[in-house]
All heavy atoms as atom14 arrays in JSON, in Angstrom:
{
  "sequence": "RGLHREQPARELRGLGALEAQRVSALRSGYQVQFEQRLGPRSSKINY",
  "atom14_mask": [
    [1, 1, 1, 1, 1, 1, 1, 1, 1, 1, 1, 0, 0, 0],
    [1, 1, 1, 1, 0, 0, 0, 0, 0, 0, 0, 0, 0, 0],
    [1, 1, 1, 1, 1, 1, 1, 1, 0, 0, 0, 0, 0, 0],
    [1, 1, 1, 1, 1, 1, 1, 1, 1, 1, 0, 0, 0, 0],
    [1, 1, 1, 1, 1, 1, 1, 1, 1, 1, 1, 0, 0, 0],
    [1, 1, 1, 1, 1, 1, 1, 1, 1, 0, 0, 0, 0, 0],
    [1, 1, 1, 1, 1, 1, 1, 1, 1, 0, 0, 0, 0, 0],
    [1, 1, 1, 1, 1, 1, 1, 0, 0, 0, 0, 0, 0, 0],
    [1, 1, 1, 1, 1, 0, 0, 0, 0, 0, 0, 0, 0, 0],
    [1, 1, 1, 1, 1, 1, 1, 1, 1, 1, 1, 0, 0, 0],
    [1, 1, 1, 1, 1, 1, 1, 1, 1, 0, 0, 0, 0, 0],
    [1, 1, 1, 1, 1, 1, 1, 1, 0, 0, 0, 0, 0, 0],
    [1, 1, 1, 1, 1, 1, 1, 1, 1, 1, 1, 0, 0, 0],
    [1, 1, 1, 1, 0, 0, 0, 0, 0, 0, 0, 0, 0, 0],
    [1, 1, 1, 1, 1, 1, 1, 1, 0, 0, 0, 0, 0, 0],
    [1, 1, 1, 1, 0, 0, 0, 0, 0, 0, 0, 0, 0, 0],
    [1, 1, 1, 1, 1, 0, 0, 0, 0, 0, 0, 0, 0, 0],
    [1, 1, 1, 1, 1, 1, 1, 1, 0, 0, 0, 0, 0, 0],
    [1, 1, 1, 1, 1, 1, 1, 1, 1, 0, 0, 0, 0, 0],
    [1, 1, 1, 1, 1, 0, 0, 0, 0, 0, 0, 0, 0, 0],
    [1, 1, 1, 1, 1, 1, 1, 1, 1, 0, 0, 0, 0, 0],
    [1, 1, 1, 1, 1, 1, 1, 1, 1, 1, 1, 0, 0, 0],
    [1, 1, 1, 1, 1, 1, 1, 0, 0, 0, 0, 0, 0, 0],
    [1, 1, 1, 1, 1, 1, 0, 0, 0, 0, 0, 0, 0, 0],
    [1, 1, 1, 1, 1, 0, 0, 0, 0, 0, 0, 0, 0, 0],
    [1, 1, 1, 1, 1, 1, 1, 1, 0, 0, 0, 0, 0, 0],
    [1, 1, 1, 1, 1, 1, 1, 1, 1, 1, 1, 0, 0, 0],
    [1, 1, 1, 1, 1, 1, 0, 0, 0, 0, 0, 0, 0, 0],
    [1, 1, 1, 1, 0, 0, 0, 0, 0, 0, 0, 0, 0, 0],
    [1, 1, 1, 1, 1, 1, 1, 1, 1, 1, 1, 1, 0, 0],
    [1, 1, 1, 1, 1, 1, 1, 1, 1, 0, 0, 0, 0, 0],
    [1, 1, 1, 1, 1, 1, 1, 0, 0, 0, 0, 0, 0, 0],
    [1, 1, 1, 1, 1, 1, 1, 1, 1, 0, 0, 0, 0, 0],
    [1, 1, 1, 1, 1, 1, 1, 1, 1, 1, 1, 0, 0, 0],
    [1, 1, 1, 1, 1, 1, 1, 1, 1, 0, 0, 0, 0, 0],
    [1, 1, 1, 1, 1, 1, 1, 1, 1, 0, 0, 0, 0, 0],
    [1, 1, 1, 1, 1, 1, 1, 1, 1, 1, 1, 0, 0, 0],
    [1, 1, 1, 1, 1, 1, 1, 1, 0, 0, 0, 0, 0, 0],
    [1, 1, 1, 1, 0, 0, 0, 0, 0, 0, 0, 0, 0, 0],
    [1, 1, 1, 1, 1, 1, 1, 0, 0, 0, 0, 0, 0, 0],
    [1, 1, 1, 1, 1, 1, 1, 1, 1, 1, 1, 0, 0, 0],
    [1, 1, 1, 1, 1, 1, 0, 0, 0, 0, 0, 0, 0, 0],
    [1, 1, 1, 1, 1, 1, 0, 0, 0, 0, 0, 0, 0, 0],
    [1, 1, 1, 1, 1, 1, 1, 1, 1, 0, 0, 0, 0, 0],
    [1, 1, 1, 1, 1, 1, 1, 1, 0, 0, 0, 0, 0, 0],
    [1, 1, 1, 1, 1, 1, 1, 1, 0, 0, 0, 0, 0, 0],
    [1, 1, 1, 1, 1, 1, 1, 1, 1, 1, 1, 1, 0, 0]
  ],
  "atom14_positions": [
    [[86.46, 73.63, 76.72], [85.13, 74.09, 77.12], [84.87, 75.52, 76.66], [83.8, 76.07, 76.89], [84.99, 74.02, 78.65], [84.84, 72.62, 79.21], [84.66, 72.66, 80.71], [83.5, 73.45, 81.11], [83.23, 73.76, 82.39], [84.05, 73.37, 83.34], [82.17, 74.47, 82.68], [0.0, 0.0, 0.0], [0.0, 0.0, 0.0], [0.0, 0.0, 0.0]],
    [[85.85, 76.15, 76.04], [85.69, 77.5, 75.56], [86.36, 78.52, 76.46], [86.8, 78.22, 77.57], [0.0, 0.0, 0.0], [0.0, 0.0, 0.0], [0.0, 0.0, 0.0], [0.0, 0.0, 0.0], [0.0, 0.0, 0.0], [0.0, 0.0, 0.0], [0.0, 0.0, 0.0], [0.0, 0.0, 0.0], [0.0, 0.0, 0.0], [0.0, 0.0, 0.0]],
    [[86.44, 79.73, 75.97], [87.13, 80.82, 76.65], [86.65, 81.0, 78.09], [85.45, 81.01, 78.36], [86.92, 82.11, 75.86], [87.56, 83.4, 76.37], [87.89, 84.31, 75.18], [86.63, 84.14, 77.33], [0.0, 0.0, 0.0], [0.0, 0.0, 0.0], [0.0, 0.0, 0.0], [0.0, 0.0, 0.0], [0.0, 0.0, 0.0], [0.0, 0.0, 0.0]],
    [[87.62, 81.15, 78.99], [87.3, 81.36, 80.41], [87.91, 82.67, 80.89], [89.08, 82.93, 80.67], [87.84, 80.22, 81.26], [87.69, 80.45, 82.73], [86.47, 80.4, 83.37], [88.6, 80.76, 83.69], [86.63, 80.66, 84.66], [87.91, 80.89, 84.87], [0.0, 0.0, 0.0], [0.0, 0.0, 0.0], [0.0, 0.0, 0.0], [0.0, 0.0, 0.0]],
    [[87.1, 83.49, 81.53], [87.59, 84.75, 82.1], [87.55, 84.67, 83.63], [86.59, 84.15, 84.2], [86.75, 85.94, 81.63], [86.87, 86.24, 80.14], [86.03, 87.45, 79.79], [85.99, 87.73, 78.37], [86.88, 88.48, 77.73], [87.88, 89.03, 78.41], [86.78, 88.69, 76.44], [0.0, 0.0, 0.0], [0.0, 0.0, 0.0], [0.0, 0.0, 0.0]],
    [[88.56, 85.24, 84.25], [88.59, 85.29, 85.7], [87.62, 86.35, 86.22], [87.3, 87.32, 85.53], [90.0, 85.63, 86.2], [91.03, 84.56, 85.94], [92.37, 84.89, 86.55], [92.55, 86.04, 87.02], [93.23, 84.02, 86.55], [0.0, 0.0, 0.0], [0.0, 0.0, 0.0], [0.0, 0.0, 0.0], [0.0, 0.0, 0.0], [0.0, 0.0, 0.0]],
    [[87.17, 86.17, 87.44], [86.39, 87.2, 88.12], [87.35, 88.31, 88.55], [88.27, 88.07, 89.32], [85.69, 86.61, 89.35], [84.81, 87.59, 90.1], [83.6, 88.04, 89.29], [83.05, 87.25, 88.53], [83.2, 89.28, 89.48], [0.0, 0.0, 0.0], [0.0, 0.0, 0.0], [0.0, 0.0, 0.0], [0.0, 0.0, 0.0], [0.0, 0.0, 0.0]],
    [[87.17, 89.52, 88.05], [88.13, 90.58, 88.38], [88.19, 90.86, 89.88], [87.17, 90.85, 90.57], [87.59, 91.8, 87.61], [86.75, 91.22, 86.52], [86.15, 89.97, 87.1], [0.0, 0.0, 0.0], [0.0, 0.0, 0.0], [0.0, 0.0, 0.0], [0.0, 0.0, 0.0], [0.0, 0.0, 0.0], [0.0, 0.0, 0.0], [0.0, 0.0, 0.0]],
    [[89.41, 91.12, 90.35], [89.59, 91.44, 91.77], [89.06, 92.83, 92.09], [88.65, 93.1, 93.22], [91.06, 91.35, 92.13], [0.0, 0.0, 0.0], [0.0, 0.0, 0.0], [0.0, 0.0, 0.0], [0.0, 0.0, 0.0], [0.0, 0.0, 0.0], [0.0, 0.0, 0.0], [0.0, 0.0, 0.0], [0.0, 0.0, 0.0], [0.0, 0.0, 0.0]],
    [[89.11, 93.73, 91.11], [88.69, 95.14, 91.25], [89.67, 95.94, 92.11], [90.08, 97.04, 91.75], [87.28, 95.27, 91.83], [86.21, 94.62, 90.98], [86.17, 95.18, 89.56], [85.14, 94.55, 88.74], [85.04, 94.7, 87.44], [85.93, 95.45, 86.78], [84.09, 94.09, 86.75], [0.0, 0.0, 0.0], [0.0, 0.0, 0.0], [0.0, 0.0, 0.0]],
    [[90.07, 95.4, 93.26], [91.1, 96.04, 94.07], [91.94, 94.95, 94.74], [91.45, 93.85, 94.99], [90.49, 96.96, 95.12], [89.57, 96.29, 96.11], [89.04, 97.27, 97.15], [89.87, 97.83, 97.9], [87.82, 97.5, 97.19], [0.0, 0.0, 0.0], [0.0, 0.0, 0.0], [0.0, 0.0, 0.0], [0.0, 0.0, 0.0], [0.0, 0.0, 0.0]],
    [[93.21, 95.25, 94.97], [94.12, 94.28, 95.57], [94.19, 94.5, 97.07], [94.49, 95.59, 97.54], [95.51, 94.41, 94.95], [95.62, 94.06, 93.47], [97.06, 94.18, 93.0], [95.1, 92.66, 93.19], [0.0, 0.0, 0.0], [0.0, 0.0, 0.0], [0.0, 0.0, 0.0], [0.0, 0.0, 0.0], [0.0, 0.0, 0.0], [0.0, 0.0, 0.0]],
    [[93.93, 93.45, 97.81], [93.95, 93.52, 99.27], [95.17, 92.78, 99.82], [95.74, 91.92, 99.16], [92.67, 92.91, 99.86], [91.39, 93.56, 99.35], [90.17, 92.88, 99.94], [88.93, 93.44, 99.4], [88.33, 94.51, 99.89], [88.87, 95.15, 100.93], [87.2, 94.95, 99.34], [0.0, 0.0, 0.0], [0.0, 0.0, 0.0], [0.0, 0.0, 0.0]],
    [[95.56, 93.13, 101.01], [96.62, 92.41, 101.69], [98.03, 92.76, 101.25], [98.97, 92.02, 101.57], [0.0, 0.0, 0.0], [0.0, 0.0, 0.0], [0.0, 0.0, 0.0], [0.0, 0.0, 0.0], [0.0, 0.0, 0.0], [0.0, 0.0, 0.0], [0.0, 0.0, 0.0], [0.0, 0.0, 0.0], [0.0, 0.0, 0.0], [0.0, 0.0, 0.0]],
    [[98.2, 93.84, 100.51], [99.54, 94.24, 100.1], [100.25, 94.94, 101.25], [99.65, 95.74, 101.98], [99.47, 95.19, 98.91], [98.92, 94.65, 97.58], [98.88, 95.77, 96.55], [99.74, 93.49, 97.08], [0.0, 0.0, 0.0], [0.0, 0.0, 0.0], [0.0, 0.0, 0.0], [0.0, 0.0, 0.0], [0.0, 0.0, 0.0], [0.0, 0.0, 0.0]],
    [[101.56, 94.65, 101.41], [102.36, 95.4, 102.36], [102.61, 96.8, 101.84], [102.33, 97.12, 100.68], [0.0, 0.0, 0.0], [0.0, 0.0, 0.0], [0.0, 0.0, 0.0], [0.0, 0.0, 0.0], [0.0, 0.0, 0.0], [0.0, 0.0, 0.0], [0.0, 0.0, 0.0], [0.0, 0.0, 0.0], [0.0, 0.0, 0.0], [0.0, 0.0, 0.0]],
    [[103.16, 97.63, 102.71], [103.37, 99.04, 102.35], [104.27, 99.18, 101.13], [103.98, 99.95, 100.21], [103.95, 99.8, 103.53], [0.0, 0.0, 0.0], [0.0, 0.0, 0.0], [0.0, 0.0, 0.0], [0.0, 0.0, 0.0], [0.0, 0.0, 0.0], [0.0, 0.0, 0.0], [0.0, 0.0, 0.0], [0.0, 0.0, 0.0], [0.0, 0.0, 0.0]],
    [[105.38, 98.42, 101.09], [106.31, 98.52, 99.97], [105.69, 97.95, 98.69], [105.91, 98.48, 97.6], [107.61, 97.79, 100.29], [108.48, 98.42, 101.4], [109.71, 97.57, 101.65], [108.88, 99.84, 101.01], [0.0, 0.0, 0.0], [0.0, 0.0, 0.0], [0.0, 0.0, 0.0], [0.0, 0.0, 0.0], [0.0, 0.0, 0.0], [0.0, 0.0, 0.0]],
    [[104.91, 96.87, 98.83], [104.23, 96.3, 97.67], [103.23, 97.29, 97.1], [103.17, 97.5, 95.87], [103.52, 95.01, 98.06], [104.43, 93.86, 98.43], [103.64, 92.66, 98.92], [102.9, 92.81, 99.91], [103.75, 91.58, 98.31], [0.0, 0.0, 0.0], [0.0, 0.0, 0.0], [0.0, 0.0, 0.0], [0.0, 0.0, 0.0], [0.0, 0.0, 0.0]],
    [[102.43, 97.87, 97.95], [101.42, 98.83, 97.49], [102.06, 100.04, 96.82], [101.56, 100.54, 95.81], [100.57, 99.28, 98.68], [0.0, 0.0, 0.0], [0.0, 0.0, 0.0], [0.0, 0.0, 0.0], [0.0, 0.0, 0.0], [0.0, 0.0, 0.0], [0.0, 0.0, 0.0], [0.0, 0.0, 0.0], [0.0, 0.0, 0.0], [0.0, 0.0, 0.0]],
    [[103.18, 100.48, 97.37], [103.89, 101.62, 96.78], [104.38, 101.29, 95.38], [104.26, 102.09, 94.45], [105.06, 102.01, 97.67], [105.84, 103.22, 97.19], [107.0, 103.56, 98.13], [107.46, 102.72, 98.9], [107.49, 104.78, 98.04], [0.0, 0.0, 0.0], [0.0, 0.0, 0.0], [0.0, 0.0, 0.0], [0.0, 0.0, 0.0], [0.0, 0.0, 0.0]],
    [[104.91, 100.07, 95.23], [105.44, 99.68, 93.92], [104.32, 99.47, 92.91], [104.43, 99.87, 91.74], [106.26, 98.39, 94.07], [107.02, 98.01, 92.82], [107.97, 99.1, 92.39], [108.55, 98.8, 91.08], [108.88, 99.7, 90.2], [108.73, 100.98, 90.45], [109.4, 99.35, 89.04], [0.0, 0.0, 0.0], [0.0, 0.0, 0.0], [0.0, 0.0, 0.0]],
    [[103.22, 98.85, 93.33], [102.08, 98.65, 92.44], [101.54, 100.0, 91.98], [101.22, 100.19, 90.79], [100.98, 97.83, 93.13], [99.66, 97.91, 92.36], [101.42, 96.37, 93.27], [0.0, 0.0, 0.0], [0.0, 0.0, 0.0], [0.0, 0.0, 0.0], [0.0, 0.0, 0.0], [0.0, 0.0, 0.0], [0.0, 0.0, 0.0], [0.0, 0.0, 0.0]],
    [[101.46, 100.96, 92.88], [100.98, 102.29, 92.53], [101.87, 102.94, 91.48], [101.38, 103.57, 90.54], [100.9, 103.17, 93.79], [100.47, 104.47, 93.47], [0.0, 0.0, 0.0], [0.0, 0.0, 0.0], [0.0, 0.0, 0.0], [0.0, 0.0, 0.0], [0.0, 0.0, 0.0], [0.0, 0.0, 0.0], [0.0, 0.0, 0.0], [0.0, 0.0, 0.0]],
    [[103.18, 102.78, 91.63], [104.12, 103.36, 90.66], [103.96, 102.72, 89.29], [104.03, 103.4, 88.26], [105.55, 103.2, 91.17], [0.0, 0.0, 0.0], [0.0, 0.0, 0.0], [0.0, 0.0, 0.0], [0.0, 0.0, 0.0], [0.0, 0.0, 0.0], [0.0, 0.0, 0.0], [0.0, 0.0, 0.0], [0.0, 0.0, 0.0], [0.0, 0.0, 0.0]],
    [[103.74, 101.41, 89.25], [103.57, 100.71, 87.97], [102.26, 101.1, 87.3], [102.2, 101.29, 86.09], [103.63, 99.2, 88.19], [104.98, 98.63, 88.61], [104.84, 97.19, 89.06], [106.0, 98.74, 87.48], [0.0, 0.0, 0.0], [0.0, 0.0, 0.0], [0.0, 0.0, 0.0], [0.0, 0.0, 0.0], [0.0, 0.0, 0.0], [0.0, 0.0, 0.0]],
    [[101.21, 101.24, 88.09], [99.93, 101.68, 87.53], [100.09, 103.03, 86.85], [99.58, 103.25, 85.75], [98.89, 101.78, 88.65], [98.34, 100.47, 89.17], [97.46, 100.73, 90.37], [96.89, 99.53, 90.93], [96.49, 99.43, 92.2], [96.61, 100.47, 93.02], [95.96, 98.31, 92.64], [0.0, 0.0, 0.0], [0.0, 0.0, 0.0], [0.0, 0.0, 0.0]],
    [[100.77, 103.93, 87.53], [100.94, 105.28, 87.01], [101.88, 105.3, 85.81], [101.6, 105.93, 84.79], [101.48, 106.19, 88.11], [101.76, 107.48, 87.61], [0.0, 0.0, 0.0], [0.0, 0.0, 0.0], [0.0, 0.0, 0.0], [0.0, 0.0, 0.0], [0.0, 0.0, 0.0], [0.0, 0.0, 0.0], [0.0, 0.0, 0.0], [0.0, 0.0, 0.0]],
    [[103.0, 104.58, 85.9], [104.0, 104.62, 84.85], [103.56, 103.95, 83.56], [103.96, 104.37, 82.47], [0.0, 0.0, 0.0], [0.0, 0.0, 0.0], [0.0, 0.0, 0.0], [0.0, 0.0, 0.0], [0.0, 0.0, 0.0], [0.0, 0.0, 0.0], [0.0, 0.0, 0.0], [0.0, 0.0, 0.0], [0.0, 0.0, 0.0], [0.0, 0.0, 0.0]],
    [[102.75, 102.88, 83.67], [102.35, 102.13, 82.48], [100.86, 102.23, 82.18], [100.39, 101.61, 81.22], [102.75, 100.66, 82.65], [104.25, 100.45, 82.61], [105.0, 100.49, 83.78], [104.91, 100.26, 81.41], [106.37, 100.33, 83.76], [106.29, 100.08, 81.37], [107.01, 100.13, 82.55], [108.38, 99.97, 82.52], [0.0, 0.0, 0.0], [0.0, 0.0, 0.0]],
    [[100.16, 103.0, 82.96], [98.72, 103.19, 82.75], [97.98, 101.85, 82.69], [97.24, 101.55, 81.74], [98.46, 104.0, 81.47], [99.01, 105.42, 81.53], [98.36, 106.26, 82.62], [97.17, 106.54, 82.55], [99.13, 106.64, 83.63], [0.0, 0.0, 0.0], [0.0, 0.0, 0.0], [0.0, 0.0, 0.0], [0.0, 0.0, 0.0], [0.0, 0.0, 0.0]],
    [[98.21, 101.02, 83.71], [97.57, 99.71, 83.78], [96.85, 99.56, 85.11], [97.22, 100.18, 86.11], [98.59, 98.56, 83.62], [99.19, 98.55, 82.23], [99.69, 98.64, 84.68], [0.0, 0.0, 0.0], [0.0, 0.0, 0.0], [0.0, 0.0, 0.0], [0.0, 0.0, 0.0], [0.0, 0.0, 0.0], [0.0, 0.0, 0.0], [0.0, 0.0, 0.0]],
    [[95.84, 98.72, 85.1], [95.14, 98.29, 86.31], [94.71, 96.85, 86.07], [93.57, 96.58, 85.7], [93.94, 99.19, 86.63], [94.31, 100.52, 87.25], [93.09, 101.26, 87.76], [92.17, 101.57, 87.0], [93.08, 101.55, 89.05], [0.0, 0.0, 0.0], [0.0, 0.0, 0.0], [0.0, 0.0, 0.0], [0.0, 0.0, 0.0], [0.0, 0.0, 0.0]],
    [[95.63, 95.94, 86.26], [95.38, 94.54, 85.94], [94.18, 93.98, 86.7], [93.46, 93.11, 86.2], [96.62, 93.7, 86.25], [97.83, 94.09, 85.46], [99.05, 94.34, 86.09], [97.78, 94.23, 84.08], [100.17, 94.69, 85.36], [98.9, 94.58, 83.33], [100.1, 94.81, 83.98], [0.0, 0.0, 0.0], [0.0, 0.0, 0.0], [0.0, 0.0, 0.0]],
    [[93.96, 94.47, 87.92], [92.9, 93.92, 88.76], [91.51, 94.23, 88.23], [90.52, 93.65, 88.7], [93.05, 94.43, 90.19], [92.92, 95.93, 90.36], [94.23, 96.67, 90.16], [95.14, 96.14, 89.48], [94.34, 97.78, 90.69], [0.0, 0.0, 0.0], [0.0, 0.0, 0.0], [0.0, 0.0, 0.0], [0.0, 0.0, 0.0], [0.0, 0.0, 0.0]],
    [[91.4, 95.12, 87.24], [90.09, 95.4, 86.65], [89.63, 94.3, 85.7], [88.46, 94.23, 85.34], [90.12, 96.75, 85.93], [90.41, 97.93, 86.83], [89.44, 98.02, 88.0], [88.22, 97.95, 87.83], [89.99, 98.17, 89.21], [0.0, 0.0, 0.0], [0.0, 0.0, 0.0], [0.0, 0.0, 0.0], [0.0, 0.0, 0.0], [0.0, 0.0, 0.0]],
    [[90.57, 93.45, 85.29], [90.21, 92.35, 84.37], [90.6, 90.98, 84.91], [90.1, 89.97, 84.44], [90.88, 92.55, 83.01], [90.37, 93.72, 82.22], [90.84, 93.7, 80.79], [92.29, 93.86, 80.67], [93.14, 92.89, 80.39], [92.71, 91.67, 80.21], [94.42, 93.14, 80.29], [0.0, 0.0, 0.0], [0.0, 0.0, 0.0], [0.0, 0.0, 0.0]],
    [[91.53, 90.95, 85.89], [92.06, 89.68, 86.36], [91.78, 89.47, 87.84], [91.52, 90.43, 88.58], [93.58, 89.64, 86.13], [94.05, 89.77, 84.68], [95.57, 89.92, 84.63], [93.6, 88.57, 83.84], [0.0, 0.0, 0.0], [0.0, 0.0, 0.0], [0.0, 0.0, 0.0], [0.0, 0.0, 0.0], [0.0, 0.0, 0.0], [0.0, 0.0, 0.0]],
    [[91.86, 88.21, 88.26], [91.7, 87.88, 89.67], [92.89, 88.35, 90.48], [93.9, 88.8, 89.94], [0.0, 0.0, 0.0], [0.0, 0.0, 0.0], [0.0, 0.0, 0.0], [0.0, 0.0, 0.0], [0.0, 0.0, 0.0], [0.0, 0.0, 0.0], [0.0, 0.0, 0.0], [0.0, 0.0, 0.0], [0.0, 0.0, 0.0], [0.0, 0.0, 0.0]],
    [[92.82, 88.25, 91.81], [93.89, 88.78, 92.66], [95.26, 88.16, 92.42], [96.26, 88.87, 92.34], [93.39, 88.5, 94.08], [92.29, 87.5, 93.94], [91.69, 87.72, 92.59], [0.0, 0.0, 0.0], [0.0, 0.0, 0.0], [0.0, 0.0, 0.0], [0.0, 0.0, 0.0], [0.0, 0.0, 0.0], [0.0, 0.0, 0.0], [0.0, 0.0, 0.0]],
    [[95.32, 86.83, 92.27], [96.62, 86.19, 92.07], [97.23, 86.57, 90.73], [98.41, 86.93, 90.66], [96.49, 84.67, 92.17], [97.81, 83.93, 92.05], [97.65, 82.43, 92.28], [98.92, 81.74, 92.19], [99.48, 81.32, 91.06], [98.86, 81.55, 89.9], [100.64, 80.69, 91.05], [0.0, 0.0, 0.0], [0.0, 0.0, 0.0], [0.0, 0.0, 0.0]],
    [[96.44, 86.5, 89.66], [96.95, 86.84, 88.34], [97.36, 88.31, 88.27], [98.36, 88.66, 87.63], [95.9, 86.54, 87.26], [95.61, 85.16, 87.21], [0.0, 0.0, 0.0], [0.0, 0.0, 0.0], [0.0, 0.0, 0.0], [0.0, 0.0, 0.0], [0.0, 0.0, 0.0], [0.0, 0.0, 0.0], [0.0, 0.0, 0.0], [0.0, 0.0, 0.0]],
    [[96.6, 89.17, 88.92], [96.93, 90.6, 88.93], [98.29, 90.83, 89.59], [99.13, 91.57, 89.08], [95.85, 91.39, 89.66], [94.62, 91.28, 89.01], [0.0, 0.0, 0.0], [0.0, 0.0, 0.0], [0.0, 0.0, 0.0], [0.0, 0.0, 0.0], [0.0, 0.0, 0.0], [0.0, 0.0, 0.0], [0.0, 0.0, 0.0], [0.0, 0.0, 0.0]],
    [[98.5, 90.18, 90.74], [99.76, 90.36, 91.46], [100.95, 89.85, 90.65], [102.02, 90.46, 90.64], [99.69, 89.65, 92.81], [98.75, 90.32, 93.8], [98.66, 89.55, 95.1], [97.69, 90.19, 96.07], [97.55, 89.42, 97.33], [0.0, 0.0, 0.0], [0.0, 0.0, 0.0], [0.0, 0.0, 0.0], [0.0, 0.0, 0.0], [0.0, 0.0, 0.0]],
    [[100.76, 88.72, 89.94], [101.85, 88.19, 89.13], [102.16, 89.12, 87.97], [103.33, 89.33, 87.62], [101.52, 86.76, 88.63], [101.49, 85.79, 89.81], [102.53, 86.3, 87.59], [101.11, 84.37, 89.42], [0.0, 0.0, 0.0], [0.0, 0.0, 0.0], [0.0, 0.0, 0.0], [0.0, 0.0, 0.0], [0.0, 0.0, 0.0], [0.0, 0.0, 0.0]],
    [[101.14, 89.68, 87.36], [101.38, 90.63, 86.27], [102.14, 91.85, 86.77], [103.06, 92.34, 86.1], [100.06, 91.05, 85.63], [99.63, 90.12, 84.51], [100.02, 90.29, 83.35], [98.85, 89.1, 84.86], [0.0, 0.0, 0.0], [0.0, 0.0, 0.0], [0.0, 0.0, 0.0], [0.0, 0.0, 0.0], [0.0, 0.0, 0.0], [0.0, 0.0, 0.0]],
    [[101.79, 92.36, 87.93], [102.54, 93.48, 88.49], [103.98, 93.06, 88.81], [104.92, 93.84, 88.6], [101.86, 94.01, 89.75], [100.66, 94.89, 89.47], [99.39, 94.54, 89.94], [100.78, 96.06, 88.73], [98.29, 95.34, 89.69], [99.68, 96.87, 88.46], [98.44, 96.5, 88.94], [97.35, 97.29, 88.68], [0.0, 0.0, 0.0], [0.0, 0.0, 0.0]]
  ]
}
């Protein structure tokens, strides 16, 4: 049916404290924000 893009999550909700801390470190270390282009599940898996 052609290329399909996910609706971006924009921000990740429901993360525990340790998860949020780790995601923040990865964003900073690799200069990424997967949730700006991907849905919540895909963003979490990429992180």
